[in-house]
């Protein structure tokens, strides 16, 4: 039976048109192999669907690699280090006093270097404990809240650091000498010193231990703390210039000796600040503490040798 649809007629005179049968859409095909008659045999091609988010998801059960978290140490750990170090030094001093006693001084006279060296353990034991506490705190914080001192601060000395450290040491020594000489001519005052302990201990049997503290212990512990934890914490919190200045100021303050209001002491502060700036710059430039540790050792070693070479 043929189907019709109404046009302009029908039962009322309209013309009935036959309905066209619906055509099936042929499947897409691609040319296939040619048969024996020379005709190409079509091969159906499956429809291509648009990619979905599921297509980009990793397989079920496959391990997903995540970026390692950054270090969580910061300025709060720098602040906590102060009471920890002070407590360690106080305990070490009290224990040492219990064994060696209090140095004797003239009535009304302050406790000076000579009096302390009469009981060398009062210099050596608290000093070693301070350096151990300072370095130990940085190692503890870096391992607990970071990836360790090597990964976080580059706290390892490499062979190439010998050359870099030498350049930094020469720059620090020359720079501080020039600045102090100019400042002394302007002010007419001489810069104070902070090497009395070395000179007074030149004939002391504890001298090798004191030299170790100055040439090895101080550079390692101070670089870990000031150019490691403190500088990087300041840099993460604010900026690199702020980190360089802040770590230098803190480094200079802990090396002050004597009357902080005198011009001589301020000149000493200026010279130490030059050292601190050079050390901070080489750490920022290389991204590691190795060159700064070598430079610090060379500076302290050179100063120690000069002091010991002077006639008593």
Protein backbone atom coordinates (compact mmCIF):
# COMPACT_ATOMS: atom_id res chain seq x y z
CA UNK A 1 0.00 0.00 0.00
CA UNK A 2 1.26 3.41 -0.89
CA UNK A 3 0.93 6.12 1.77
CA UNK A 4 -0.23 9.58 0.78
CA UNK A 5 -0.20 12.96 2.43
CA UNK A 6 -2.56 15.85 1.85
CA UNK A 7 -1.38 18.56 -0.48
CA UNK A 8 -3.70 21.25 -1.80
CA UNK A 9 -6.46 18.75 -2.31
CA UNK A 10 -7.59 15.44 -0.87
CA UNK A 11 -11.19 14.66 -0.18
CA UNK A 12 -12.02 18.26 -1.05
CA UNK A 13 -10.23 18.09 -4.36
CA UNK A 14 -6.66 18.29 -3.09
CA UNK A 15 -3.95 16.28 -4.74
CA UNK A 16 -2.68 13.35 -2.74
CA UNK A 17 1.14 13.04 -2.90
CA UNK A 18 2.93 9.80 -2.16
CA UNK A 19 5.14 9.81 0.97
CA UNK A 20 8.83 9.33 0.34
CA UNK A 21 10.30 6.44 2.25
CA UNK A 22 12.88 7.47 4.87
CA UNK A 23 16.43 6.93 3.74
CA UNK A 24 18.88 5.23 6.03
CA UNK A 25 22.15 7.08 6.58
CA UNK A 26 24.93 4.86 5.35
CA UNK A 27 27.71 4.09 7.76
CA UNK A 28 30.96 5.83 7.13
CA UNK A 29 33.37 3.64 5.32
CA UNK A 30 36.88 3.77 4.12
CA UNK A 31 38.39 2.20 1.06
CA UNK A 32 39.39 -1.33 1.76
CA UNK A 33 41.24 -3.97 -0.18
CA UNK A 34 40.45 -4.50 -3.83
CA UNK A 35 38.66 -7.76 -4.71
CA UNK A 36 39.28 -10.01 -7.69
CA UNK A 37 36.94 -7.98 -9.90
CA UNK A 38 38.95 -4.80 -9.33
CA UNK A 39 36.37 -3.15 -7.09
CA UNK A 40 37.26 -1.67 -3.77
CA UNK A 41 35.71 -3.33 -0.79
CA UNK A 42 34.52 -0.77 1.74
CA UNK A 43 35.47 -1.24 5.37
CA UNK A 44 33.11 0.27 7.95
CA UNK A 45 34.70 2.91 10.17
CA UNK A 46 33.55 3.18 13.77
CA UNK A 47 32.26 6.62 14.77
CA UNK A 48 34.73 8.76 16.73
CA UNK A 49 33.44 10.16 20.01
CA UNK A 50 34.71 13.34 21.72
CA UNK A 51 37.15 12.81 24.62
CA UNK A 52 35.81 13.17 28.14
CA UNK A 53 37.49 13.85 31.49
CA UNK A 54 37.49 10.13 32.16
CA UNK A 55 39.85 9.65 29.22
CA UNK A 56 42.50 11.74 30.99
CA UNK A 57 42.16 10.10 34.41
CA UNK A 58 44.87 7.64 35.46
CA UNK A 59 43.93 3.98 35.47
CA UNK A 60 42.20 2.70 38.55
CA UNK A 61 44.79 1.54 41.06
CA UNK A 62 47.70 3.32 39.35
CA UNK A 63 50.00 5.26 41.73
CA UNK A 64 49.60 9.03 41.52
CA UNK A 65 52.84 11.01 41.88
CA UNK A 66 52.46 14.16 43.95
CA UNK A 67 54.96 17.02 44.18
CA UNK A 68 56.92 16.83 47.46
CA UNK A 69 55.78 19.40 50.01
CA UNK A 70 58.04 22.37 50.66
CA UNK A 71 59.82 22.91 53.97
CA UNK A 72 57.62 23.97 56.88
CA UNK A 73 60.31 25.64 58.99
CA UNK A 74 60.28 29.41 59.36
CA UNK A 75 60.73 32.39 61.63
CA UNK A 76 58.90 30.68 64.48
CA UNK A 77 61.71 28.12 64.57
CA UNK A 78 64.29 30.90 64.60
CA UNK A 79 62.54 32.43 67.60
CA UNK A 80 62.33 29.12 69.43
CA UNK A 81 66.06 28.61 68.91
CA UNK A 82 66.93 31.56 71.18
CA UNK A 83 65.58 30.12 74.46
CA UNK A 84 66.79 26.63 73.53
CA UNK A 85 70.37 27.83 72.98
CA UNK A 86 70.36 30.06 76.07
CA UNK A 87 69.01 27.26 78.23
CA UNK A 88 71.69 24.88 76.97
CA UNK A 89 74.46 27.40 77.70
CA UNK A 90 73.13 28.21 81.17
CA UNK A 91 72.89 24.55 82.12
CA UNK A 92 76.40 23.88 80.78
CA UNK A 93 77.78 26.87 82.70
CA UNK A 94 76.16 25.84 85.97
CA UNK A 95 77.41 22.28 85.65
CA UNK A 96 80.92 23.52 84.84
CA UNK A 97 80.87 25.90 87.82
CA UNK A 98 79.91 23.03 90.06
CA UNK A 99 83.08 21.20 89.02
CA UNK A 100 85.69 23.97 88.64
CA UNK A 101 84.33 26.67 90.95
CA UNK A 102 83.95 30.42 90.43
CA UNK A 103 87.02 32.31 89.11
CA UNK A 104 88.60 34.59 91.68
CA UNK A 105 88.85 38.32 90.95
CA UNK A 106 89.94 41.39 92.82
CA UNK A 107 87.23 42.98 94.95
CA UNK A 108 85.13 45.28 92.83
CA UNK A 109 86.70 44.08 89.57
CA UNK A 110 84.52 42.62 86.78
CA UNK A 111 84.91 39.09 85.51
CA UNK A 112 87.26 39.56 82.54
CA UNK A 113 88.92 37.24 80.04
CA UNK A 114 91.94 36.62 82.22
CA UNK A 115 89.73 35.56 85.12
CA UNK A 116 87.75 33.23 82.89
CA UNK A 117 90.90 31.66 81.49
CA UNK A 118 92.00 30.86 85.00
CA UNK A 119 89.21 28.30 84.71
CA UNK A 120 89.44 27.40 80.98
CA UNK A 121 86.56 24.96 81.23
CA UNK A 122 84.23 27.94 81.79
CA UNK A 123 85.12 29.14 78.29
CA UNK A 124 85.38 25.85 76.46
CA UNK A 125 82.43 23.86 77.77
CA UNK A 126 79.69 26.52 77.43
CA UNK A 127 81.18 27.59 74.09
CA UNK A 128 81.09 24.09 72.67
CA UNK A 129 77.58 23.56 73.99
CA UNK A 130 76.42 26.81 72.38
CA UNK A 131 77.81 25.81 69.01
CA UNK A 132 76.38 22.30 69.28
CA UNK A 133 72.96 23.65 70.30
CA UNK A 134 72.93 26.17 67.44
CA UNK A 135 73.90 23.63 64.78
CA UNK A 136 71.84 20.86 66.36
CA UNK A 137 68.70 22.97 66.37
CA UNK A 138 69.01 23.70 62.65
CA UNK A 139 69.60 20.03 61.88
CA UNK A 140 66.60 19.04 64.02
CA UNK A 141 64.27 21.59 62.42
CA UNK A 142 65.42 20.78 58.88
CA UNK A 143 64.87 17.05 59.39
CA UNK A 144 61.54 17.46 61.16
CA UNK A 145 60.01 20.16 58.97
CA UNK A 146 62.02 19.91 55.77
CA UNK A 147 64.27 17.60 53.80
CA UNK A 148 67.46 18.03 55.84
CA UNK A 149 70.23 20.61 55.91
CA UNK A 150 71.77 19.41 52.65
CA UNK A 151 68.55 19.62 50.63
CA UNK A 152 67.14 22.72 52.35
CA UNK A 153 70.28 24.81 52.81
CA UNK A 154 73.01 23.16 50.75
CA UNK A 155 74.87 22.45 53.97
CA UNK A 156 77.68 20.42 52.45
CA UNK A 157 81.18 21.44 51.41
CA UNK A 158 82.21 20.46 47.87
CA UNK A 159 85.70 20.65 46.35
CA UNK A 160 84.75 23.66 44.24
CA UNK A 161 83.78 25.53 47.42
CA UNK A 162 87.45 25.94 48.26
CA UNK A 163 87.91 28.38 45.40
CA UNK A 164 84.60 30.14 45.98
CA UNK A 165 85.30 30.38 49.69
CA UNK A 166 88.74 31.85 49.09
CA UNK A 167 87.33 34.56 46.83
CA UNK A 168 84.62 35.40 49.38
CA UNK A 169 87.12 35.45 52.25
CA UNK A 170 89.46 37.83 50.40
CA UNK A 171 86.54 40.08 49.48
CA UNK A 172 85.33 40.16 53.09
CA UNK A 173 88.78 40.82 54.56
CA UNK A 174 89.70 43.54 52.07
CA UNK A 175 86.28 45.14 52.15
CA UNK A 176 86.05 45.29 55.93
CA UNK A 177 89.62 46.59 56.25
CA UNK A 178 88.98 49.43 53.79
CA UNK A 179 85.68 50.41 55.39
CA UNK A 180 87.09 50.33 58.93
CA UNK A 181 90.15 52.36 57.91
CA UNK A 182 87.96 55.04 56.38
CA UNK A 183 85.63 55.05 59.40
CA UNK A 184 88.55 55.32 61.82
CA UNK A 185 89.93 58.37 59.99
CA UNK A 186 86.51 60.00 60.06
CA UNK A 187 85.78 59.28 63.72
CA UNK A 188 89.34 59.32 65.09
CA UNK A 189 88.59 56.17 67.08
CA UNK A 190 90.04 52.69 66.83
CA UNK A 191 87.80 49.72 66.20
CA UNK A 192 87.32 47.38 69.13
CA UNK A 193 88.34 43.74 68.86
CA UNK A 194 86.67 40.46 69.69
CA UNK A 195 89.75 38.20 69.64
CA UNK A 196 90.95 38.77 73.22
CA UNK A 197 90.16 35.19 74.16
CA UNK A 198 92.62 33.91 71.53
CA UNK A 199 95.45 36.21 72.50
CA UNK A 200 95.11 35.54 76.21
CA UNK A 201 94.97 31.78 75.66
CA UNK A 202 98.18 31.65 73.59
CA UNK A 203 100.02 29.83 76.39
CA UNK A 204 97.02 27.96 77.75
CA UNK A 205 96.87 24.15 77.42
CA UNK A 206 93.26 24.51 76.23
CA UNK A 207 94.42 26.56 73.21
CA UNK A 208 93.90 23.74 70.63
CA UNK A 209 90.28 23.36 71.73
CA UNK A 210 89.73 27.12 71.57
CA UNK A 211 91.23 27.25 68.08
CA UNK A 212 88.89 24.43 67.02
CA UNK A 213 85.92 26.36 68.36
CA UNK A 214 86.96 29.51 66.49
CA UNK A 215 88.08 28.00 63.17
CA UNK A 216 85.68 25.05 62.82
CA UNK A 217 82.86 25.16 65.35
CA UNK A 218 81.85 28.78 64.88
CA UNK A 219 81.81 28.76 61.05
CA UNK A 220 79.72 25.59 60.83
CA UNK A 221 77.19 26.47 63.53
CA UNK A 222 76.84 30.15 62.61
CA UNK A 223 76.47 29.56 58.89
CA UNK A 224 73.83 26.89 59.50
CA UNK A 225 71.87 29.23 61.72
CA UNK A 226 72.35 32.73 60.27
CA UNK A 227 72.81 32.05 56.55
CA UNK A 228 70.80 28.84 56.63
CA UNK A 229 67.69 28.86 58.79
CA UNK A 230 67.44 32.62 59.43
CA UNK A 231 68.26 33.86 55.93
CA UNK A 232 65.99 31.39 54.17
CA UNK A 233 63.15 31.99 56.63
CA UNK A 234 63.36 35.74 56.03
CA UNK A 235 63.57 35.17 52.29
CA UNK A 236 60.48 32.96 52.29
CA UNK A 237 58.58 35.46 54.44
CA UNK A 238 59.60 38.68 52.68
CA UNK A 239 62.33 38.99 50.05
CA UNK A 240 65.98 38.29 49.30
CA UNK A 241 67.22 41.83 50.18
CA UNK A 242 65.39 41.71 53.50
CA UNK A 243 66.89 38.28 54.18
CA UNK A 244 70.43 39.50 53.44
CA UNK A 245 70.08 42.58 55.66
CA UNK A 246 68.25 40.82 58.48
CA UNK A 247 70.68 37.92 58.73
CA UNK A 248 73.63 40.34 58.64
CA UNK A 249 72.24 42.48 61.47
CA UNK A 250 71.59 39.43 63.65
CA UNK A 251 75.04 38.01 62.88
CA UNK A 252 76.71 41.31 63.81
CA UNK A 253 74.83 41.75 67.07
CA UNK A 254 75.83 38.38 68.52
CA UNK A 255 79.50 39.22 67.91
CA UNK A 256 79.45 42.48 69.84
CA UNK A 257 81.68 42.83 72.86
CA UNK A 258 82.19 45.69 75.28
CA UNK A 259 80.29 48.96 75.48
CA UNK A 260 77.75 49.00 72.66
CA UNK A 261 77.47 52.81 72.87
CA UNK A 262 81.16 53.47 72.22
CA UNK A 263 82.46 54.46 68.80
CA UNK A 264 85.04 51.67 68.88
CA UNK A 265 82.34 49.05 69.32
CA UNK A 266 80.27 50.55 66.54
CA UNK A 267 83.28 50.35 64.23
CA UNK A 268 83.65 46.69 65.16
CA UNK A 269 79.97 46.23 64.32
CA UNK A 270 80.59 47.85 60.93
CA UNK A 271 83.47 45.51 60.13
CA UNK A 272 81.49 42.41 61.13
CA UNK A 273 78.57 43.62 59.01
CA UNK A 274 80.83 43.62 55.94
CA UNK A 275 81.66 39.99 56.65
CA UNK A 276 77.98 39.20 57.03
CA UNK A 277 77.01 40.88 53.76
CA UNK A 278 79.65 38.97 51.79
CA UNK A 279 78.62 35.68 53.37
CA UNK A 280 74.95 36.33 52.65
CA UNK A 281 75.66 37.28 49.03
CA UNK A 282 77.64 34.13 48.28
CA UNK A 283 74.92 31.95 49.84
CA UNK A 284 72.24 33.70 47.79
CA UNK A 285 74.35 33.52 44.63
CA UNK A 286 75.25 29.83 44.90
CA UNK A 287 72.17 28.61 46.75
CA UNK A 288 74.37 26.64 49.16
CA UNK A 289 76.12 27.07 52.50
CA UNK A 290 79.28 25.25 51.45
CA UNK A 291 81.17 28.29 50.09
CA UNK A 292 80.16 30.42 53.08
CA UNK A 293 81.37 27.79 55.56
CA UNK A 294 84.74 27.60 53.80
CA UNK A 295 84.98 31.40 53.64
CA UNK A 296 84.13 31.73 57.34
CA UNK A 297 86.76 29.13 58.24
CA UNK A 298 89.39 30.94 56.20
CA UNK A 299 88.57 34.32 57.75
CA UNK A 300 88.62 33.02 61.31
CA UNK A 301 91.74 30.99 60.60
CA UNK A 302 93.57 34.00 59.18
CA UNK A 303 92.56 36.24 62.09
CA UNK A 304 93.56 33.55 64.61
CA UNK A 305 96.96 33.11 62.96
CA UNK A 306 97.58 36.88 63.00
CA UNK A 307 96.65 37.16 66.69
CA UNK A 308 98.83 34.22 67.70
CA UNK A 309 101.74 35.56 65.63
CA UNK A 310 101.85 38.77 67.64
CA UNK A 311 104.42 38.85 70.46
CA UNK A 312 102.95 38.27 73.89
